[in-house]
Amino acid sequence: MICEVIYAIIIAMRVTVDTNIIFQALYSSSGASHQILKMIRNGNITLAISIPVYKEYQDVMKRKRTLDFIQKKEKEVDTVLEFIALVAEPYAMNYLWRPNLRDEKDNIFAELAFNSGSKYLITKNIKDFTIGNELSLDSFEVITPGDFLYKWRNEYEKK
């Protein structure tokens, strides 16, 4: 049993998730984003985190209009954010690699994915990371939650 747990930790794939994934996971328990959060909880994948990304999660998820929309209390969101802080793999940004994305707030996610060696940056806003940008983001793949789950099931669950 202990060997299985250690093996699962060693092979866990590292991902970076955009705030919209956390939002969607809390809004609906039936979607791909919620499944991804469950995979993080179960240790199937490892979530990369940095202080700027965590602060962005807090800022967006604790806004009154967000809480009203997802129909959650601030305490419930705090519980999820505390869980993320506990299980995520922290990365300090030793240098700022600025991808110059159209939305400045998206840069922190690309920086984290790059610096952490994440295999995927999971977001519902693919266009924000791929259209009209100066750089080619080739060290990680920008992918939707649905496409990530499809790849996961075909590449990892069938083995």
N, C-alpha and C. Protein backbone atom coordinates (compact mmCIF):
# COMPACT_ATOMS: atom_id res chain seq x y z
N MET A 1 0.83 -1.20 0.00
CA MET A 1 0.00 0.00 0.00
C MET A 1 0.87 1.26 0.00
N ILE A 2 1.86 1.31 0.86
CA ILE A 2 2.73 2.47 0.93
C ILE A 2 3.47 2.66 -0.39
N CYS A 3 3.93 1.57 -0.99
CA CYS A 3 4.63 1.66 -2.28
C CYS A 3 3.71 2.22 -3.36
N GLU A 4 2.43 1.83 -3.33
CA GLU A 4 1.47 2.35 -4.32
C GLU A 4 1.28 3.85 -4.16
N VAL A 5 1.21 4.32 -2.92
CA VAL A 5 1.06 5.75 -2.66
C VAL A 5 2.28 6.51 -3.13
N ILE A 6 3.46 6.00 -2.82
CA ILE A 6 4.71 6.65 -3.26
C ILE A 6 4.78 6.66 -4.77
N TYR A 7 4.44 5.55 -5.42
CA TYR A 7 4.45 5.48 -6.88
C TYR A 7 3.48 6.49 -7.48
N ALA A 8 2.28 6.62 -6.88
CA ALA A 8 1.29 7.57 -7.39
C ALA A 8 1.81 9.00 -7.27
N ILE A 9 2.50 9.30 -6.18
CA ILE A 9 3.05 10.64 -6.00
C ILE A 9 4.13 10.91 -7.03
N ILE A 10 4.99 9.93 -7.29
CA ILE A 10 6.09 10.11 -8.23
C ILE A 10 5.59 10.34 -9.64
N ILE A 11 4.55 9.62 -10.06
CA ILE A 11 4.12 9.72 -11.45
C ILE A 11 3.04 10.79 -11.68
N ALA A 12 2.61 11.46 -10.62
CA ALA A 12 1.55 12.46 -10.78
C ALA A 12 2.00 13.56 -11.74
N MET A 13 1.19 13.80 -12.72
CA MET A 13 1.46 14.83 -13.71
C MET A 13 1.21 16.21 -13.10
N ARG A 14 2.07 17.16 -13.40
CA ARG A 14 1.92 18.52 -12.90
C ARG A 14 1.15 19.36 -13.90
N VAL A 15 0.18 20.12 -13.39
CA VAL A 15 -0.62 21.02 -14.22
C VAL A 15 -0.74 22.37 -13.54
N THR A 16 -1.03 23.37 -14.34
CA THR A 16 -1.39 24.69 -13.86
C THR A 16 -2.83 24.93 -14.29
N VAL A 17 -3.65 25.45 -13.39
CA VAL A 17 -5.05 25.71 -13.76
C VAL A 17 -5.37 27.19 -13.61
N ASP A 18 -6.07 27.70 -14.58
CA ASP A 18 -6.55 29.07 -14.59
C ASP A 18 -7.67 29.20 -13.56
N THR A 19 -7.90 30.41 -13.10
CA THR A 19 -8.94 30.67 -12.11
C THR A 19 -10.31 30.20 -12.60
N ASN A 20 -10.56 30.28 -13.90
CA ASN A 20 -11.87 29.89 -14.40
C ASN A 20 -12.16 28.41 -14.17
N ILE A 21 -11.13 27.59 -13.99
CA ILE A 21 -11.32 26.17 -13.70
C ILE A 21 -11.82 26.01 -12.26
N ILE A 22 -11.22 26.75 -11.33
CA ILE A 22 -11.66 26.72 -9.93
C ILE A 22 -13.12 27.22 -9.85
N PHE A 23 -13.38 28.32 -10.54
CA PHE A 23 -14.73 28.88 -10.58
C PHE A 23 -15.74 27.84 -11.06
N GLN A 24 -15.46 27.24 -12.20
CA GLN A 24 -16.38 26.27 -12.79
C GLN A 24 -16.53 25.03 -11.92
N ALA A 25 -15.44 24.61 -11.28
CA ALA A 25 -15.49 23.43 -10.40
C ALA A 25 -16.41 23.66 -9.22
N LEU A 26 -16.43 24.89 -8.71
CA LEU A 26 -17.30 25.20 -7.58
C LEU A 26 -18.74 25.50 -8.02
N TYR A 27 -18.88 25.92 -9.26
CA TYR A 27 -20.21 26.24 -9.78
C TYR A 27 -21.01 24.97 -10.10
N SER A 28 -20.33 23.98 -10.68
CA SER A 28 -21.03 22.77 -11.13
C SER A 28 -20.23 21.53 -10.76
N SER A 29 -20.89 20.59 -10.13
CA SER A 29 -20.20 19.34 -9.77
C SER A 29 -20.26 18.30 -10.88
N SER A 30 -20.82 18.66 -12.01
CA SER A 30 -20.96 17.67 -13.09
C SER A 30 -20.02 17.92 -14.27
N GLY A 31 -19.23 18.96 -14.23
CA GLY A 31 -18.39 19.29 -15.38
C GLY A 31 -16.96 18.79 -15.27
N ALA A 32 -16.22 19.02 -16.34
CA ALA A 32 -14.82 18.60 -16.43
C ALA A 32 -13.96 19.32 -15.39
N SER A 33 -14.24 20.58 -15.12
CA SER A 33 -13.44 21.32 -14.14
C SER A 33 -13.56 20.70 -12.75
N HIS A 34 -14.76 20.28 -12.39
CA HIS A 34 -14.96 19.61 -11.10
C HIS A 34 -14.19 18.29 -11.06
N GLN A 35 -14.19 17.57 -12.18
CA GLN A 35 -13.44 16.31 -12.26
C GLN A 35 -11.95 16.56 -12.06
N ILE A 36 -11.45 17.64 -12.62
CA ILE A 36 -10.03 17.99 -12.48
C ILE A 36 -9.71 18.28 -11.02
N LEU A 37 -10.58 19.02 -10.34
CA LEU A 37 -10.38 19.29 -8.92
C LEU A 37 -10.37 17.99 -8.11
N LYS A 38 -11.24 17.06 -8.47
CA LYS A 38 -11.25 15.74 -7.81
C LYS A 38 -9.96 14.97 -8.09
N MET A 39 -9.44 15.09 -9.30
CA MET A 39 -8.17 14.42 -9.64
C MET A 39 -7.02 14.99 -8.80
N ILE A 40 -7.06 16.29 -8.56
CA ILE A 40 -6.05 16.92 -7.70
C ILE A 40 -6.20 16.38 -6.28
N ARG A 41 -7.44 16.33 -5.80
CA ARG A 41 -7.71 15.82 -4.45
C ARG A 41 -7.25 14.38 -4.30
N ASN A 42 -7.46 13.57 -5.32
CA ASN A 42 -7.10 12.15 -5.27
C ASN A 42 -5.63 11.88 -5.56
N GLY A 43 -4.89 12.92 -5.93
CA GLY A 43 -3.47 12.74 -6.19
C GLY A 43 -3.15 12.22 -7.58
N ASN A 44 -4.13 12.18 -8.48
CA ASN A 44 -3.88 11.74 -9.85
C ASN A 44 -3.03 12.74 -10.62
N ILE A 45 -3.22 14.01 -10.30
CA ILE A 45 -2.43 15.08 -10.91
C ILE A 45 -1.97 16.02 -9.80
N THR A 46 -0.88 16.70 -10.05
CA THR A 46 -0.32 17.65 -9.09
C THR A 46 -0.57 19.06 -9.59
N LEU A 47 -1.09 19.90 -8.72
CA LEU A 47 -1.36 21.29 -9.07
C LEU A 47 -0.16 22.14 -8.71
N ALA A 48 0.35 22.89 -9.68
CA ALA A 48 1.41 23.87 -9.42
C ALA A 48 0.76 25.15 -8.91
N ILE A 49 1.44 25.82 -7.99
CA ILE A 49 0.89 27.06 -7.43
C ILE A 49 2.04 28.04 -7.18
N SER A 50 1.73 29.32 -7.30
CA SER A 50 2.66 30.38 -6.94
C SER A 50 1.87 31.39 -6.12
N ILE A 51 2.56 32.26 -5.43
CA ILE A 51 1.86 33.27 -4.64
C ILE A 51 0.96 34.15 -5.52
N PRO A 52 1.45 34.66 -6.67
CA PRO A 52 0.55 35.48 -7.50
C PRO A 52 -0.70 34.73 -7.98
N VAL A 53 -0.54 33.46 -8.34
CA VAL A 53 -1.69 32.68 -8.81
C VAL A 53 -2.67 32.45 -7.65
N TYR A 54 -2.15 32.10 -6.48
CA TYR A 54 -3.02 31.88 -5.33
C TYR A 54 -3.79 33.15 -4.97
N LYS A 55 -3.11 34.28 -5.01
CA LYS A 55 -3.78 35.56 -4.72
C LYS A 55 -4.86 35.86 -5.76
N GLU A 56 -4.61 35.49 -7.00
CA GLU A 56 -5.63 35.67 -8.05
C GLU A 56 -6.84 34.78 -7.76
N TYR A 57 -6.59 33.52 -7.38
CA TYR A 57 -7.69 32.63 -7.00
C TYR A 57 -8.52 33.28 -5.89
N GLN A 58 -7.84 33.78 -4.85
CA GLN A 58 -8.54 34.41 -3.73
C GLN A 58 -9.34 35.62 -4.18
N ASP A 59 -8.70 36.48 -4.94
CA ASP A 59 -9.35 37.71 -5.38
C ASP A 59 -10.63 37.43 -6.16
N VAL A 60 -10.54 36.56 -7.13
CA VAL A 60 -11.69 36.29 -7.99
C VAL A 60 -12.76 35.49 -7.27
N MET A 61 -12.36 34.46 -6.55
CA MET A 61 -13.32 33.55 -5.96
C MET A 61 -14.06 34.15 -4.75
N LYS A 62 -13.48 35.17 -4.12
CA LYS A 62 -14.12 35.75 -2.94
C LYS A 62 -14.86 37.05 -3.23
N ARG A 63 -14.95 37.41 -4.51
CA ARG A 63 -15.77 38.57 -4.87
C ARG A 63 -17.24 38.27 -4.59
N LYS A 64 -17.95 39.28 -4.17
CA LYS A 64 -19.37 39.08 -3.85
C LYS A 64 -20.14 38.54 -5.05
N ARG A 65 -19.88 39.09 -6.23
CA ARG A 65 -20.65 38.62 -7.40
C ARG A 65 -20.29 37.18 -7.76
N THR A 66 -19.05 36.77 -7.51
CA THR A 66 -18.67 35.37 -7.74
C THR A 66 -19.39 34.47 -6.74
N LEU A 67 -19.33 34.83 -5.47
CA LEU A 67 -20.00 34.04 -4.43
C LEU A 67 -21.49 33.92 -4.72
N ASP A 68 -22.11 35.01 -5.13
CA ASP A 68 -23.54 34.98 -5.46
C ASP A 68 -23.81 34.07 -6.65
N PHE A 69 -22.96 34.15 -7.66
CA PHE A 69 -23.17 33.37 -8.89
C PHE A 69 -23.02 31.87 -8.63
N ILE A 70 -21.97 31.50 -7.89
CA ILE A 70 -21.73 30.07 -7.64
C ILE A 70 -22.54 29.55 -6.45
N GLN A 71 -23.24 30.47 -5.79
CA GLN A 71 -24.09 30.14 -4.65
C GLN A 71 -23.31 29.42 -3.54
N LYS A 72 -22.18 30.03 -3.18
CA LYS A 72 -21.35 29.50 -2.10
C LYS A 72 -21.10 30.62 -1.10
N LYS A 73 -20.87 30.22 0.14
CA LYS A 73 -20.49 31.17 1.18
C LYS A 73 -18.98 31.33 1.15
N GLU A 74 -18.51 32.47 1.63
CA GLU A 74 -17.07 32.73 1.63
C GLU A 74 -16.32 31.64 2.39
N LYS A 75 -16.89 31.13 3.45
CA LYS A 75 -16.25 30.07 4.24
C LYS A 75 -16.06 28.80 3.40
N GLU A 76 -17.02 28.48 2.54
CA GLU A 76 -16.90 27.30 1.66
C GLU A 76 -15.77 27.50 0.66
N VAL A 77 -15.68 28.69 0.10
CA VAL A 77 -14.60 29.00 -0.84
C VAL A 77 -13.27 28.97 -0.11
N ASP A 78 -13.22 29.52 1.10
CA ASP A 78 -11.98 29.47 1.90
C ASP A 78 -11.51 28.03 2.11
N THR A 79 -12.45 27.13 2.36
CA THR A 79 -12.10 25.72 2.57
C THR A 79 -11.42 25.15 1.33
N VAL A 80 -11.97 25.44 0.16
CA VAL A 80 -11.37 24.95 -1.09
C VAL A 80 -10.00 25.59 -1.32
N LEU A 81 -9.89 26.88 -1.08
CA LEU A 81 -8.60 27.57 -1.27
C LEU A 81 -7.55 27.06 -0.28
N GLU A 82 -7.96 26.78 0.95
CA GLU A 82 -7.03 26.22 1.93
C GLU A 82 -6.57 24.83 1.51
N PHE A 83 -7.50 24.05 0.96
CA PHE A 83 -7.15 22.74 0.44
C PHE A 83 -6.12 22.86 -0.68
N ILE A 84 -6.34 23.81 -1.59
CA ILE A 84 -5.41 24.03 -2.69
C ILE A 84 -4.04 24.41 -2.15
N ALA A 85 -4.01 25.30 -1.16
CA ALA A 85 -2.74 25.71 -0.56
C ALA A 85 -2.03 24.52 0.08
N LEU A 86 -2.79 23.60 0.63
CA LEU A 86 -2.21 22.43 1.30
C LEU A 86 -1.63 21.42 0.33
N VAL A 87 -2.36 21.13 -0.75
CA VAL A 87 -1.94 20.03 -1.64
C VAL A 87 -1.14 20.48 -2.85
N ALA A 88 -1.23 21.73 -3.22
CA ALA A 88 -0.52 22.18 -4.42
C ALA A 88 0.99 22.22 -4.19
N GLU A 89 1.71 22.09 -5.27
CA GLU A 89 3.18 22.14 -5.24
C GLU A 89 3.60 23.59 -5.49
N PRO A 90 4.22 24.23 -4.48
CA PRO A 90 4.54 25.66 -4.62
C PRO A 90 5.78 25.91 -5.48
N TYR A 91 5.72 26.99 -6.23
CA TYR A 91 6.85 27.43 -7.06
C TYR A 91 7.06 28.91 -6.84
N ALA A 92 8.29 29.26 -6.55
CA ALA A 92 8.67 30.67 -6.46
C ALA A 92 9.11 31.10 -7.84
N MET A 93 8.71 32.27 -8.22
CA MET A 93 9.12 32.80 -9.51
C MET A 93 10.48 33.47 -9.33
N ASN A 94 11.53 32.72 -9.66
CA ASN A 94 12.89 33.23 -9.49
C ASN A 94 13.20 34.34 -10.48
N TYR A 95 12.54 34.29 -11.59
CA TYR A 95 12.68 35.35 -12.59
C TYR A 95 11.34 35.48 -13.27
N LEU A 96 11.07 36.62 -13.80
CA LEU A 96 9.79 36.81 -14.48
C LEU A 96 9.98 36.63 -15.98
N TRP A 97 9.41 35.60 -16.45
CA TRP A 97 9.35 35.34 -17.88
C TRP A 97 8.02 35.93 -18.33
N ARG A 98 8.06 36.99 -19.08
CA ARG A 98 6.84 37.69 -19.47
C ARG A 98 6.41 37.30 -20.87
N PRO A 99 5.37 36.51 -20.95
CA PRO A 99 4.90 36.09 -22.27
C PRO A 99 4.14 37.18 -23.03
N ASN A 100 3.81 38.30 -22.39
CA ASN A 100 3.08 39.39 -23.03
C ASN A 100 1.77 38.94 -23.67
N LEU A 101 0.95 38.29 -22.87
CA LEU A 101 -0.36 37.87 -23.35
C LEU A 101 -1.28 39.07 -23.43
N ARG A 102 -2.34 38.93 -24.20
CA ARG A 102 -3.29 40.05 -24.38
C ARG A 102 -3.86 40.52 -23.05
N ASP A 103 -4.18 39.60 -22.16
CA ASP A 103 -4.69 39.94 -20.84
C ASP A 103 -3.53 39.80 -19.86
N GLU A 104 -3.08 40.89 -19.31
CA GLU A 104 -1.94 40.91 -18.40
C GLU A 104 -2.09 39.91 -17.25
N LYS A 105 -3.31 39.73 -16.75
CA LYS A 105 -3.54 38.81 -15.64
C LYS A 105 -3.28 37.35 -16.01
N ASP A 106 -3.30 37.03 -17.29
CA ASP A 106 -3.02 35.65 -17.72
C ASP A 106 -1.53 35.33 -17.69
N ASN A 107 -0.69 36.34 -17.70
CA ASN A 107 0.76 36.10 -17.69
C ASN A 107 1.21 35.27 -16.50
N ILE A 108 0.59 35.46 -15.34
CA ILE A 108 1.02 34.72 -14.15
C ILE A 108 0.79 33.22 -14.30
N PHE A 109 -0.22 32.82 -15.06
CA PHE A 109 -0.49 31.41 -15.27
C PHE A 109 0.52 30.80 -16.25
N ALA A 110 0.83 31.54 -17.31
CA ALA A 110 1.84 31.07 -18.26
C ALA A 110 3.21 31.00 -17.58
N GLU A 111 3.53 32.00 -16.76
CA GLU A 111 4.81 31.98 -16.03
C GLU A 111 4.89 30.77 -15.11
N LEU A 112 3.81 30.49 -14.39
CA LEU A 112 3.81 29.34 -13.49
C LEU A 112 3.94 28.03 -14.26
N ALA A 113 3.19 27.90 -15.33
CA ALA A 113 3.27 26.67 -16.13
C ALA A 113 4.69 26.47 -16.64
N PHE A 114 5.32 27.52 -17.11
CA PHE A 114 6.69 27.45 -17.63
C PHE A 114 7.68 27.11 -16.52
N ASN A 115 7.64 27.86 -15.42
CA ASN A 115 8.61 27.68 -14.34
C ASN A 115 8.43 26.37 -13.58
N SER A 116 7.22 25.85 -13.52
CA SER A 116 6.97 24.61 -12.78
C SER A 116 7.19 23.37 -13.63
N GLY A 117 7.32 23.55 -14.92
CA GLY A 117 7.43 22.39 -15.80
C GLY A 117 6.10 21.68 -15.96
N SER A 118 5.01 22.41 -15.80
CA SER A 118 3.69 21.80 -15.98
C SER A 118 3.55 21.26 -17.40
N LYS A 119 2.90 20.13 -17.51
CA LYS A 119 2.65 19.56 -18.83
C LYS A 119 1.51 20.30 -19.51
N TYR A 120 0.53 20.76 -18.71
CA TYR A 120 -0.64 21.43 -19.25
C TYR A 120 -0.96 22.68 -18.45
N LEU A 121 -1.45 23.68 -19.16
CA LEU A 121 -2.11 24.83 -18.55
C LEU A 121 -3.58 24.67 -18.93
N ILE A 122 -4.41 24.40 -17.94
CA ILE A 122 -5.82 24.10 -18.20
C ILE A 122 -6.63 25.38 -18.01
N THR A 123 -7.39 25.75 -19.05
CA THR A 123 -8.18 26.97 -19.03
C THR A 123 -9.38 26.83 -19.96
N LYS A 124 -10.41 27.60 -19.67
CA LYS A 124 -11.55 27.65 -20.58
C LYS A 124 -11.35 28.73 -21.63
N ASN A 125 -10.31 29.55 -21.46
CA ASN A 125 -10.05 30.67 -22.36
C ASN A 125 -8.79 30.44 -23.19
N ILE A 126 -8.83 29.43 -24.03
CA ILE A 126 -7.68 29.08 -24.87
C ILE A 126 -7.21 30.27 -25.69
N LYS A 127 -8.14 31.00 -26.27
CA LYS A 127 -7.78 32.11 -27.16
C LYS A 127 -6.92 33.16 -26.45
N ASP A 128 -7.16 33.36 -25.15
CA ASP A 128 -6.37 34.34 -24.41
C ASP A 128 -4.89 33.98 -24.37
N PHE A 129 -4.58 32.70 -24.52
CA PHE A 129 -3.19 32.24 -24.45
C PHE A 129 -2.58 31.95 -25.81
N THR A 130 -3.40 31.88 -26.85
CA THR A 130 -2.88 31.42 -28.13
C THR A 130 -3.02 32.40 -29.30
N ILE A 131 -3.91 33.36 -29.20
CA ILE A 131 -4.15 34.26 -30.34
C ILE A 131 -3.52 35.62 -30.08
N GLY A 132 -2.77 36.10 -31.05
CA GLY A 132 -2.20 37.44 -31.00
C GLY A 132 -1.09 37.62 -29.99
N ASN A 133 -0.39 36.56 -29.65
CA ASN A 133 0.69 36.64 -28.69
C ASN A 133 2.04 36.63 -29.40
N GLU A 134 3.03 37.20 -28.75
CA GLU A 134 4.36 37.31 -29.34
C GLU A 134 5.15 36.01 -29.27
N LEU A 135 4.82 35.13 -28.34
CA LEU A 135 5.62 33.93 -28.09
C LEU A 135 4.87 32.67 -28.45
N SER A 136 5.64 31.65 -28.73
CA SER A 136 5.09 30.31 -28.89
C SER A 136 5.23 29.62 -27.54
N LEU A 137 4.12 29.18 -26.98
CA LEU A 137 4.14 28.51 -25.67
C LEU A 137 4.32 27.01 -25.92
N ASP A 138 5.57 26.59 -26.14
CA ASP A 138 5.80 25.20 -26.53
C ASP A 138 6.32 24.30 -25.42
N SER A 139 6.57 24.82 -24.22
CA SER A 139 7.04 23.94 -23.14
C SER A 139 5.87 23.31 -22.38
N PHE A 140 4.66 23.77 -22.64
CA PHE A 140 3.45 23.21 -22.05
C PHE A 140 2.32 23.39 -23.05
N GLU A 141 1.28 22.59 -22.88
CA GLU A 141 0.13 22.69 -23.78
C GLU A 141 -1.01 23.41 -23.08
N VAL A 142 -1.59 24.38 -23.76
CA VAL A 142 -2.77 25.07 -23.27
C VAL A 142 -3.98 24.27 -23.74
N ILE A 143 -4.83 23.89 -22.80
CA ILE A 143 -5.88 22.93 -23.11
C ILE A 143 -7.14 23.23 -22.30
N THR A 144 -8.30 22.90 -22.87
CA THR A 144 -9.57 23.08 -22.15
C THR A 144 -9.73 21.92 -21.15
N PRO A 145 -10.58 22.10 -20.14
CA PRO A 145 -10.79 21.01 -19.19
C PRO A 145 -11.34 19.74 -19.85
N GLY A 146 -12.26 19.90 -20.79
CA GLY A 146 -12.81 18.73 -21.48
C GLY A 146 -11.76 18.00 -22.29
N ASP A 147 -10.93 18.74 -23.01
CA ASP A 147 -9.87 18.11 -23.79
C ASP A 147 -8.83 17.45 -22.89
N PHE A 148 -8.54 18.07 -21.75
CA PHE A 148 -7.60 17.46 -20.80
C PHE A 148 -8.14 16.12 -20.32
N LEU A 149 -9.40 16.07 -19.92
CA LEU A 149 -9.98 14.80 -19.45
C LEU A 149 -9.97 13.75 -20.54
N TYR A 150 -10.27 14.15 -21.76
CA TYR A 150 -10.25 13.21 -22.89
C TYR A 150 -8.84 12.62 -23.05
N LYS A 151 -7.83 13.48 -23.04
CA LYS A 151 -6.44 13.01 -23.17
C LYS A 151 -6.07 12.12 -21.99
N TRP A 152 -6.44 12.54 -20.79
CA TRP A 152 -6.11 11.77 -19.59
C TRP A 152 -6.68 10.36 -19.70
N ARG A 153 -7.94 10.29 -20.05
CA ARG A 153 -8.60 8.97 -20.13
C ARG A 153 -7.96 8.09 -21.20
N ASN A 154 -7.58 8.67 -22.31
CA ASN A 154 -6.99 7.88 -23.40
C ASN A 154 -5.52 7.54 -23.18
N GLU A 155 -4.78 8.40 -22.47
CA GLU A 155 -3.35 8.17 -22.30
C GLU A 155 -2.98 7.51 -20.98
N TYR A 156 -3.78 7.70 -19.93
CA TYR A 156 -3.36 7.25 -18.61
C TYR A 156 -4.28 6.22 -18.00
N GLU A 157 -5.58 6.33 -18.21
CA GLU A 157 -6.50 5.39 -17.58
C GLU A 157 -6.51 4.04 -18.27
N LYS A 158 -6.13 4.00 -19.52
CA LYS A 158 -6.18 2.74 -20.26
C LYS A 158 -4.93 1.90 -20.07
N LYS A 159 -3.94 2.43 -19.39
CA LYS A 159 -2.68 1.69 -19.19
C LYS A 159 -2.78 0.79 -17.98
